[in-house]
Protein backbone atom coordinates (compact mmCIF):
# COMPACT_ATOMS: atom_id res chain seq x y z
CA MET A 1 -57.11 -28.37 -4.69
CA THR A 2 -53.95 -29.30 -5.43
CA GLY A 3 -50.33 -27.28 -6.01
CA ASP A 4 -50.71 -28.16 -9.80
CA SER A 5 -54.66 -26.76 -10.37
CA TRP A 6 -52.93 -23.82 -8.38
CA ARG A 7 -50.72 -23.19 -10.77
CA ASP A 8 -53.22 -23.49 -13.79
CA ARG A 9 -54.98 -20.79 -12.38
CA ARG A 10 -52.37 -18.23 -12.10
CA ARG A 11 -51.47 -19.27 -15.58
CA ALA A 12 -54.60 -19.12 -17.03
CA LEU A 13 -53.95 -14.82 -15.83
CA GLN A 14 -51.90 -14.91 -18.34
CA GLU A 15 -53.83 -16.49 -21.49
CA ASP A 16 -56.70 -14.77 -23.28
CA ASP A 17 -59.38 -16.34 -21.87
CA PRO A 18 -61.57 -13.76 -20.28
CA ALA A 19 -63.76 -15.69 -18.64
CA GLU A 20 -61.18 -17.99 -16.64
CA SER A 21 -58.73 -15.23 -16.02
CA ARG A 22 -61.55 -13.48 -13.85
CA ARG A 23 -62.74 -16.20 -11.76
CA ALA A 24 -59.01 -17.05 -10.97
CA ALA A 25 -58.79 -13.36 -10.01
CA GLN A 26 -61.50 -13.46 -7.98
CA LEU A 27 -60.74 -16.48 -6.26
CA LEU A 28 -56.83 -15.88 -5.67
CA GLU A 29 -58.33 -12.24 -4.26
CA SER A 30 -60.58 -13.73 -2.13
CA LEU A 31 -58.32 -16.24 -0.54
CA GLY A 32 -55.75 -13.46 -0.34
CA THR A 33 -52.98 -15.91 -2.29
CA GLU A 34 -52.44 -13.35 -4.61
CA GLU A 35 -49.27 -12.42 -3.56
CA ARG A 36 -47.39 -15.50 -3.62
CA ASP A 37 -45.80 -16.82 -6.04
CA ASP A 38 -45.91 -20.81 -7.30
CA GLU A 39 -43.04 -21.89 -5.11
CA GLU A 40 -44.56 -20.48 -1.91
CA ILE A 41 -48.04 -21.56 -2.92
CA GLU A 42 -46.38 -25.11 -3.52
CA ALA A 43 -44.49 -25.37 -0.45
CA ASP A 44 -48.07 -24.22 1.82
CA HIS A 45 -49.80 -27.01 -0.48
CA ARG A 46 -47.10 -29.58 1.22
CA ALA A 47 -47.10 -27.63 4.91
CA SER A 48 -51.07 -28.83 4.81
CA ARG A 49 -50.34 -32.34 3.20
CA LEU A 50 -47.84 -33.05 6.24
CA ALA A 51 -49.83 -31.28 8.76
CA ALA A 52 -52.65 -33.83 7.70
CA ALA A 53 -50.61 -36.78 7.49
CA ARG A 54 -49.35 -36.28 10.93
CA GLU A 55 -52.91 -36.36 12.47
CA TYR A 56 -52.55 -40.34 11.97
CA ALA A 57 -48.90 -40.72 11.78
CA PRO A 58 -46.99 -38.24 13.77
CA ASP A 59 -43.66 -38.88 12.54
CA ALA A 60 -44.48 -38.93 9.03
CA GLN A 61 -42.33 -36.56 6.44
CA LEU A 62 -42.82 -35.43 3.17
CA GLU A 63 -40.42 -36.32 0.23
CA GLU A 64 -37.74 -33.78 -0.39
CA GLU A 65 -37.20 -32.20 -3.29
CA LEU A 66 -34.70 -30.27 -5.58
CA GLN A 67 -35.67 -27.72 -8.03
CA LEU A 68 -33.10 -25.66 -10.26
CA ARG A 69 -35.03 -23.02 -12.00
CA LEU A 70 -32.35 -21.46 -14.95
CA THR A 71 -33.24 -18.53 -16.63
CA GLY A 72 -31.12 -17.18 -19.16
CA PRO A 73 -32.06 -16.09 -23.29
CA ASP A 74 -32.66 -19.41 -24.32
CA THR A 75 -34.83 -20.86 -21.48
CA ASP A 76 -38.01 -19.68 -22.48
CA GLY A 77 -39.21 -23.49 -23.63
CA GLY A 78 -38.67 -25.11 -20.78
CA THR A 79 -35.98 -27.39 -22.34
CA LEU A 80 -32.50 -28.84 -21.03
CA ARG A 81 -29.65 -28.24 -23.45
CA PHE A 82 -27.36 -31.42 -23.48
CA GLU A 83 -24.58 -29.12 -22.69
CA TRP A 84 -26.19 -27.17 -19.91
CA GLY A 85 -26.82 -30.62 -18.05
CA ASP A 86 -23.07 -31.53 -18.84
CA ALA A 87 -21.56 -28.21 -17.21
CA LEU A 88 -24.04 -28.26 -14.22
CA LEU A 89 -25.15 -31.17 -12.95
CA GLU A 90 -22.65 -32.71 -11.09
CA PRO A 91 -20.65 -29.60 -10.22
CA VAL A 92 -24.07 -28.48 -8.27
CA GLU A 93 -23.92 -32.52 -6.91
CA LYS A 94 -20.13 -31.85 -6.18
CA LEU A 95 -21.06 -28.47 -4.45
CA VAL A 96 -23.78 -30.05 -2.36
CA SER A 97 -21.99 -32.72 -0.84
CA GLU A 98 -19.13 -30.21 -0.22
CA ALA A 99 -21.45 -27.95 2.07
CA ALA A 100 -23.21 -31.30 3.64
CA GLY A 101 -19.72 -32.61 4.19
CA THR A 102 -20.23 -35.93 3.11
CA PRO A 103 -21.11 -37.56 -0.11
CA VAL A 104 -25.21 -36.61 -1.78
CA GLN A 105 -25.99 -38.19 -4.46
CA LEU A 106 -28.97 -36.33 -6.61
CA GLU A 107 -31.45 -37.90 -8.99
CA LEU A 108 -33.16 -36.13 -12.04
CA THR A 109 -36.96 -36.90 -11.57
CA GLY A 110 -38.39 -34.66 -14.54
CA ILE A 111 -38.49 -31.44 -16.21
CA SER A 112 -40.62 -28.79 -16.49
CA ALA A 113 -41.59 -25.47 -17.94
CA GLY A 114 -41.40 -21.73 -16.69
CA SER A 115 -38.25 -20.83 -17.91
CA THR A 116 -36.17 -24.29 -17.70
CA VAL A 117 -36.69 -26.21 -14.09
CA ILE A 118 -34.92 -29.21 -13.24
CA HIS A 119 -36.76 -31.35 -11.11
CA ALA A 120 -34.75 -33.62 -8.63
CA ARG A 121 -34.30 -35.79 -5.41
CA PRO A 122 -32.09 -37.30 -2.95
CA VAL A 123 -30.99 -41.02 -4.23
CA LEU A 124 -33.01 -43.23 -2.26
CA THR A 125 -30.67 -45.58 -0.05
CA PRO A 126 -31.41 -49.45 1.18
CA VAL A 127 -32.26 -49.26 5.31
CA GLU A 128 -30.07 -51.73 7.54
CA SER A 129 -32.55 -54.68 7.43
CA SER A 130 -32.29 -58.44 7.45
CA HIS A 131 -35.67 -58.34 5.43
CA PRO A 132 -35.15 -58.57 1.58
CA ASP A 133 -37.76 -56.22 0.61
CA ALA A 134 -37.29 -53.67 3.23
CA LEU A 135 -38.21 -50.09 2.60
CA ARG A 136 -35.53 -47.55 0.83
CA VAL A 137 -35.35 -43.84 2.57
CA PRO A 138 -33.60 -40.50 1.69
CA ALA A 139 -30.81 -39.38 3.12
CA THR A 140 -32.57 -36.51 4.39
CA SER A 141 -30.02 -34.97 6.80
CA ALA A 142 -26.94 -35.24 4.67
CA ALA A 143 -29.61 -33.47 1.66
CA ALA A 144 -31.42 -31.39 3.64
CA SER A 145 -28.32 -29.76 5.86
CA GLY A 146 -26.14 -28.98 2.04
CA LEU A 147 -29.01 -27.88 0.52
CA GLY A 148 -29.37 -25.34 3.76
CA THR A 149 -25.97 -24.50 3.46
CA LEU A 150 -25.96 -23.88 0.36
CA THR A 151 -28.42 -21.61 -0.05
CA LEU A 152 -27.13 -19.30 2.93
CA LEU A 153 -24.04 -18.99 0.87
CA LEU A 154 -25.89 -18.18 -2.33
CA ASP A 155 -27.99 -15.19 -0.71
CA ALA A 156 -24.40 -14.06 1.12
CA LEU A 157 -23.13 -13.69 -2.81
CA GLU A 158 -25.74 -12.13 -4.03
CA SER A 159 -25.52 -9.46 -0.92
CA GLU A 160 -21.63 -9.55 -1.55
CA ARG A 161 -21.28 -10.17 2.15
CA ASP A 162 -18.13 -11.60 3.56
CA ILE A 163 -18.32 -15.99 2.81
CA ARG A 164 -15.22 -16.72 4.68
CA GLU A 165 -16.63 -19.43 6.86
CA TRP A 166 -17.26 -21.29 3.39
CA THR A 167 -13.71 -21.33 1.96
CA LYS A 168 -13.94 -24.81 1.91
CA LEU A 169 -17.21 -24.56 -0.61
CA PHE A 170 -15.26 -21.74 -2.97
CA ASP A 171 -14.05 -24.34 -5.50
CA ALA A 172 -16.96 -26.00 -6.34
CA LEU A 173 -19.30 -22.93 -6.10
CA GLU A 174 -16.74 -21.69 -8.77
CA SER A 175 -17.34 -24.52 -11.08
CA VAL A 176 -20.96 -23.58 -10.90
CA SER A 177 -20.74 -20.06 -11.37
CA ARG A 178 -18.37 -20.30 -14.31
CA ALA A 179 -20.57 -23.18 -15.93
CA LEU A 180 -23.54 -20.58 -15.41
CA GLY A 181 -21.73 -17.76 -17.24
CA LYS A 182 -20.33 -19.37 -19.63
CA TYR A 183 -24.08 -19.74 -21.30
CA ALA A 184 -25.58 -16.70 -19.59
CA LEU A 185 -27.92 -18.70 -17.28
CA ASP A 186 -29.19 -17.49 -14.01
CA LEU A 187 -29.47 -20.12 -11.20
CA GLY A 188 -32.44 -20.34 -8.66
CA VAL A 189 -32.33 -23.00 -6.34
CA THR A 190 -35.31 -23.90 -3.96
CA TRP A 191 -35.38 -26.80 -1.59
CA TYR A 192 -38.37 -28.15 -0.20
CA CYS A 193 -37.67 -30.11 3.03
CA ALA A 194 -39.06 -33.20 4.66
CA ASP A 195 -40.79 -31.17 7.62
CA GLY A 196 -42.52 -29.01 5.04
CA SER A 197 -40.33 -25.93 5.23
CA LEU A 198 -38.79 -24.11 2.24
CA ARG A 199 -35.37 -23.29 1.18
CA ARG A 200 -34.46 -21.26 -1.74
CA ALA A 201 -31.62 -18.68 -3.04
CA HIS A 202 -30.21 -17.79 -6.31
CA LEU A 203 -26.86 -17.12 -8.21
CA THR A 204 -27.11 -14.31 -10.71
CA ALA A 205 -24.59 -12.19 -12.83
CA ARG A 206 -23.99 -9.98 -9.90
CA GLY A 207 -23.60 -13.07 -8.04
CA ARG A 208 -21.07 -14.52 -10.72
CA SER A 209 -19.00 -11.13 -10.58
CA TYR A 210 -18.66 -11.22 -6.70
CA VAL A 211 -17.42 -14.67 -7.13
CA LYS A 212 -15.26 -13.34 -10.01
CA ARG A 213 -13.59 -10.57 -8.06
CA LEU A 214 -13.12 -13.18 -5.29
CA ARG A 215 -11.01 -14.99 -7.43
CA GLU A 216 -8.70 -12.29 -8.29
CA THR A 217 -5.03 -12.66 -6.54
CA ARG A 218 -2.28 -10.71 -5.32
CA ASP A 219 1.26 -11.82 -5.00
CA ARG A 220 2.97 -12.09 -1.46
CA ASP A 221 6.74 -12.66 -1.19
CA GLN A 222 9.18 -13.38 0.87
CA GLU A 223 12.95 -14.45 0.20
CA MET A 224 14.75 -17.11 1.98
CA ILE A 225 17.65 -19.36 1.95
CA VAL A 226 17.31 -22.80 0.25
CA SER A 227 20.36 -25.18 1.07
CA GLY A 228 20.90 -28.90 -0.10
CA ARG A 229 21.77 -31.33 -2.78
CA ILE A 230 20.77 -31.28 -6.34
CA THR A 231 19.16 -34.08 -7.26
CA GLU A 232 17.59 -33.06 -10.84
CA LEU A 233 18.43 -30.03 -13.62
CA ARG A 234 15.91 -29.87 -16.61
CA GLU A 235 16.31 -27.53 -19.95
CA SER A 236 14.19 -25.19 -18.84
CA GLY A 237 16.05 -23.43 -16.21
CA VAL A 238 14.36 -25.54 -13.08
CA VAL A 239 16.60 -27.02 -10.35
CA LYS A 240 15.78 -29.49 -7.77
CA VAL A 241 17.22 -29.35 -4.32
CA LYS A 242 16.53 -31.65 -1.88
CA THR A 243 17.27 -30.32 1.81
CA GLY A 244 19.05 -33.53 3.21
CA THR A 245 19.82 -37.30 2.56
CA ALA A 246 16.60 -38.90 3.80
CA LYS A 247 14.13 -40.19 1.60
CA ASN A 248 11.55 -38.06 2.90
CA SER A 249 13.64 -34.87 2.84
CA LEU A 250 12.17 -31.65 2.02
CA ALA A 251 12.92 -30.71 -2.02
CA TYR A 252 12.37 -27.31 -3.77
CA GLU A 253 11.68 -26.74 -7.15
CA VAL A 254 13.99 -23.51 -7.66
CA HIS A 255 13.33 -21.68 -10.87
CA PHE A 256 15.67 -19.73 -13.29
CA GLU A 257 13.92 -16.85 -15.13
CA ASP A 258 17.24 -17.12 -17.41
CA PRO A 259 18.33 -20.47 -18.18
CA GLU A 260 21.48 -19.52 -19.63
CA GLU A 261 22.62 -18.13 -16.04
CA LEU A 262 22.12 -21.80 -14.72
CA LEU A 263 24.22 -22.85 -17.38
CA ARG A 264 27.37 -20.82 -16.49
CA MET A 265 26.88 -22.25 -12.65
CA ARG A 266 27.98 -25.01 -14.60
CA PRO A 267 25.83 -27.66 -11.69
CA GLY A 268 25.74 -31.00 -11.65
CA LEU A 269 23.49 -33.51 -9.68
CA GLY A 270 24.74 -33.81 -6.36
CA ASP A 271 26.36 -30.51 -5.92
CA ASN A 272 25.42 -28.95 -2.42
CA VAL A 273 24.30 -25.20 -3.51
CA HIS A 274 23.37 -22.50 -1.39
CA PHE A 275 20.85 -20.86 -3.15
CA ARG A 276 18.82 -17.39 -2.26
CA VAL A 277 15.43 -17.54 -3.84
CA ARG A 278 12.30 -15.54 -3.74
CA PHE A 279 8.89 -17.54 -2.24
CA ARG A 280 6.44 -15.97 -4.44
CA GLN A 281 2.28 -17.29 -3.26
CA GLN A 282 -0.66 -15.81 -5.25
CA LEU A 283 -3.94 -15.70 -2.70
CA ASP A 284 -7.12 -14.93 -3.62
CA SER A 285 -9.72 -12.85 -1.52
CA LEU A 286 -10.15 -15.45 0.39
CA GLY A 287 -6.36 -16.05 1.08
CA ILE A 288 -6.72 -19.34 -0.41
CA ALA A 289 -3.29 -19.82 -2.40
CA ARG A 290 -3.96 -20.30 -5.82
CA SER A 291 -0.02 -21.21 -7.07
CA SER A 292 3.12 -20.81 -5.28
CA GLY A 293 6.75 -21.23 -6.46
CA TYR A 294 10.60 -20.31 -5.74
CA THR A 295 12.37 -18.07 -8.03
CA TYR A 296 16.51 -17.73 -8.21
CA LEU A 297 18.02 -14.44 -6.38
CA GLY A 298 21.50 -15.33 -6.36
CA PRO A 299 24.09 -17.09 -4.26
CA ALA A 300 23.30 -16.52 -0.50
CA ALA A 301 26.39 -15.80 1.35
CA GLU A 302 27.59 -18.87 2.64
CA GLN A 303 27.01 -22.67 2.49
CA ALA A 304 24.90 -24.19 5.32
CA ALA A 305 25.91 -27.90 6.24
CA LEU A 306 23.64 -30.79 5.04
CA PRO A 307 21.54 -32.13 7.41
CA LEU A 308 22.50 -35.93 7.47
CA GLU A 309 20.27 -39.03 8.30
CA PRO A 310 20.72 -40.56 11.54
């Protein structure tokens, strides 16, 4: 019996066919499967197929499959709106790639109902072979590694745990979370592995809210001295100060909150200056600097000599 026939029987329980409902209920009860959902039934079916295949080919593997289940106020018809696909599919692929640590290409294989279920798989790549008709194989390790990491991360978000070990994934994750929030969608991720195992996780409103809180920033200020030569002046009140004469010398863009103060100083290009500035970083809850800048506070007490190019 196929996974699809199991789904059909389970769905019949929701229909207005009493006879079929009774038969399906009796069968499911006798086999003890009524506690499993569609994804678990499919995973068990795949595992059985793999076990049978390995009786003849011990190294047999199943095709990998990724299912993205979208649930929300407009997903009952099982359709995928173009704007959802445009906002979500590429960011999800990028997130999987970031999690895998290497580019992973995914391709759409179908869409089904049950809210909106997107079916995808890793893009098949040619086997290195001198034979022109060599078979293609999926990039199993990269996709499986990425989805394994991603499901762990989503579980941590939903339970609002510490996610600092996945800091490098946060920007890609935020893009997906923002797109889901824009269209009021929840995301279910199910990964059917080549070895027959199953990984799955969700990103709901709770997880998205946690992502938003983690993105909130706080200021960290540090007072410092900037000494160097003016190489650029802007009407907006920004002075670019280069700390040395070498081409690769460090340069600072110092912002004057009151541009009139800069005009009163009557600076010129090439002038040596010695500024006391505030270096401000905006750090999120993961310690990632989201922005930084230098603000003029006043003249420094004394002028430091410019380092000369050897």
